[in-house]
C-alpha atoms as a PDB file:
ATOM      1  CA  UNK A   1    -195.620  89.235  84.612  1.00  0.00           C
ATOM      2  CA  UNK A   2    -196.093  86.005  82.716  1.00  0.00           C
ATOM      3  CA  UNK A   3    -194.672  82.616  83.597  1.00  0.00           C
ATOM      4  CA  UNK A   4    -192.207  82.564  80.687  1.00  0.00           C
ATOM      5  CA  UNK A   5    -190.583  85.764  81.973  1.00  0.00           C
ATOM      6  CA  UNK A   6    -190.398  84.430  85.509  1.00  0.00           C
ATOM      7  CA  UNK A   7    -188.873  81.172  84.250  1.00  0.00           C
ATOM      8  CA  UNK A   8    -186.254  83.066  82.248  1.00  0.00           C
ATOM      9  CA  UNK A   9    -185.365  85.221  85.269  1.00  0.00           C
ATOM     10  CA  UNK A  10    -184.986  82.105  87.409  1.00  0.00           C
ATOM     11  CA  UNK A  11    -182.802  80.491  84.735  1.00  0.00           C
ATOM     12  CA  UNK A  12    -180.513  83.532  84.570  1.00  0.00           C
ATOM     13  CA  UNK A  13    -180.299  83.777  88.355  1.00  0.00           C
ATOM     14  CA  UNK A  14    -179.408  80.092  88.625  1.00  0.00           C
ATOM     15  CA  UNK A  15    -176.776  80.384  85.924  1.00  0.00           C
ATOM     16  CA  UNK A  16    -175.214  83.770  86.792  1.00  0.00           C
ATOM     17  CA  UNK A  17    -176.211  84.454  90.397  1.00  0.00           C
ATOM     18  CA  UNK A  18    -178.359  87.428  89.404  1.00  0.00           C
ATOM     19  CA  UNK A  19    -179.783  88.956  86.253  1.00  0.00           C
ATOM     20  CA  UNK A  20    -177.369  91.870  86.711  1.00  0.00           C
ATOM     21  CA  UNK A  21    -174.448  89.479  86.184  1.00  0.00           C
ATOM     22  CA  UNK A  22    -175.884  87.915  83.016  1.00  0.00           C
ATOM     23  CA  UNK A  23    -174.399  88.806  79.618  1.00  0.00           C
ATOM     24  CA  UNK A  24    -176.000  91.772  77.882  1.00  0.00           C
ATOM     25  CA  UNK A  25    -177.405  89.575  75.109  1.00  0.00           C
ATOM     26  CA  UNK A  26    -179.218  87.385  77.671  1.00  0.00           C
ATOM     27  CA  UNK A  27    -180.677  90.467  79.375  1.00  0.00           C
ATOM     28  CA  UNK A  28    -181.737  91.829  75.974  1.00  0.00           C
ATOM     29  CA  UNK A  29    -183.585  88.565  75.266  1.00  0.00           C
ATOM     30  CA  UNK A  30    -185.265  88.783  78.670  1.00  0.00           C
ATOM     31  CA  UNK A  31    -186.366  92.362  78.020  1.00  0.00           C
ATOM     32  CA  UNK A  32    -187.723  91.399  74.605  1.00  0.00           C
ATOM     33  CA  UNK A  33    -189.723  88.584  76.178  1.00  0.00           C
ATOM     34  CA  UNK A  34    -190.997  90.824  78.982  1.00  0.00           C
ATOM     35  CA  UNK A  35    -192.050  93.581  76.576  1.00  0.00           C
ATOM     36  CA  UNK A  36    -193.641  91.388  73.952  1.00  0.00           C
ATOM     37  CA  UNK A  37    -197.314  91.650  73.156  1.00  0.00           C
ATOM     38  CA  UNK A  38    -199.325  88.539  74.039  1.00  0.00           C
ATOM     39  CA  UNK A  39    -199.755  86.348  70.961  1.00  0.00           C
ATOM     40  CA  UNK A  40    -202.718  84.228  71.989  1.00  0.00           C
ATOM     41  CA  UNK A  41    -205.694  84.843  69.744  1.00  0.00           C
ATOM     42  CA  UNK A  42    -208.029  84.846  72.742  1.00  0.00           C
ATOM     43  CA  UNK A  43    -205.987  87.434  74.617  1.00  0.00           C
ATOM     44  CA  UNK A  44    -208.115  90.490  75.332  1.00  0.00           C
ATOM     45  CA  UNK A  45    -205.020  92.696  75.552  1.00  0.00           C
ATOM     46  CA  UNK A  46    -203.752  91.460  72.204  1.00  0.00           C
ATOM     47  CA  UNK A  47    -207.148  91.971  70.561  1.00  0.00           C
ATOM     48  CA  UNK A  48    -207.331  95.508  71.961  1.00  0.00           C
ATOM     49  CA  UNK A  49    -203.811  96.269  70.753  1.00  0.00           C
ATOM     50  CA  UNK A  50    -204.614  94.910  67.299  1.00  0.00           C
ATOM     51  CA  UNK A  51    -207.802  96.980  67.126  1.00  0.00           C
ATOM     52  CA  UNK A  52    -205.917 100.146  68.087  1.00  0.00           C
ATOM     53  CA  UNK A  53    -203.123  99.499  65.585  1.00  0.00           C
ATOM     54  CA  UNK A  54    -205.677  98.709  62.858  1.00  0.00           C
ATOM     55  CA  UNK A  55    -207.530 101.950  63.601  1.00  0.00           C
ATOM     56  CA  UNK A  56    -204.344 104.019  63.371  1.00  0.00           C
ATOM     57  CA  UNK A  57    -203.137 102.141  60.292  1.00  0.00           C
ATOM     58  CA  UNK A  58    -206.436 102.767  58.513  1.00  0.00           C
ATOM     59  CA  UNK A  59    -206.074 106.475  59.337  1.00  0.00           C
ATOM     60  CA  UNK A  60    -202.896 106.417  57.278  1.00  0.00           C
ATOM     61  CA  UNK A  61    -200.319 106.673  60.066  1.00  0.00           C
ATOM     62  CA  UNK A  62    -196.921 105.133  59.446  1.00  0.00           C
ATOM     63  CA  UNK A  63    -195.773 102.136  61.434  1.00  0.00           C
ATOM     64  CA  UNK A  64    -193.104 104.315  63.026  1.00  0.00           C
ATOM     65  CA  UNK A  65    -195.729 106.834  64.200  1.00  0.00           C
ATOM     66  CA  UNK A  66    -198.027 104.049  65.453  1.00  0.00           C
ATOM     67  CA  UNK A  67    -195.111 102.590  67.419  1.00  0.00           C
ATOM     68  CA  UNK A  68    -194.469 105.949  69.058  1.00  0.00           C
ATOM     69  CA  UNK A  69    -198.150 106.495  69.921  1.00  0.00           C
ATOM     70  CA  UNK A  70    -198.724 102.997  71.286  1.00  0.00           C
ATOM     71  CA  UNK A  71    -195.323 102.692  72.977  1.00  0.00           C
ATOM     72  CA  UNK A  72    -194.522  99.462  71.125  1.00  0.00           C
ATOM     73  CA  UNK A  73    -191.403  98.805  69.094  1.00  0.00           C
ATOM     74  CA  UNK A  74    -191.469  99.360  65.350  1.00  0.00           C
ATOM     75  CA  UNK A  75    -190.892  95.623  64.933  1.00  0.00           C
ATOM     76  CA  UNK A  76    -193.930  94.792  67.084  1.00  0.00           C
ATOM     77  CA  UNK A  77    -196.108  97.167  65.072  1.00  0.00           C
ATOM     78  CA  UNK A  78    -194.810  95.700  61.823  1.00  0.00           C
ATOM     79  CA  UNK A  79    -195.718  92.203  63.036  1.00  0.00           C
ATOM     80  CA  UNK A  80    -199.157  93.382  64.151  1.00  0.00           C
ATOM     81  CA  UNK A  81    -199.829  95.044  60.784  1.00  0.00           C
ATOM     82  CA  UNK A  82    -198.828  91.802  59.060  1.00  0.00           C
ATOM     83  CA  UNK A  83    -201.166  89.898  61.383  1.00  0.00           C
ATOM     84  CA  UNK A  84    -203.989  92.341  60.566  1.00  0.00           C
ATOM     85  CA  UNK A  85    -203.364  91.860  56.835  1.00  0.00           C
ATOM     86  CA  UNK A  86    -203.438  88.086  57.286  1.00  0.00           C
ATOM     87  CA  UNK A  87    -206.681  88.250  59.279  1.00  0.00           C
ATOM     88  CA  UNK A  88    -208.232  90.443  56.593  1.00  0.00           C
ATOM     89  CA  UNK A  89    -207.269  87.926  53.907  1.00  0.00           C
ATOM     90  CA  UNK A  90    -208.891  85.203  55.968  1.00  0.00           C
ATOM     91  CA  UNK A  91    -211.978  87.378  56.452  1.00  0.00           C
ATOM     92  CA  UNK A  92    -211.526  87.545  60.232  1.00  0.00           C
ATOM     93  CA  UNK A  93    -210.717  91.227  60.591  1.00  0.00           C
END
């Protein structure tokens, strides 16, 4: 678990006593943060995820299907495809 997630948990516990007592919207934000793909360019996990998504995308799979196969949200896959397109334009992919 990354430090940002731990900090957010601590913040919610300090404010509400426990995460279970926090408003649903706050818990949703925490879950989104916890389930997000690392964004650092030097992240091995992120590079591997991008490579896998690029491979599936080039095979012609839809973003919805890629999301199901990789167990990411459709939104995450959409963002990764956009990142791949940007990297290709820059000649880095």
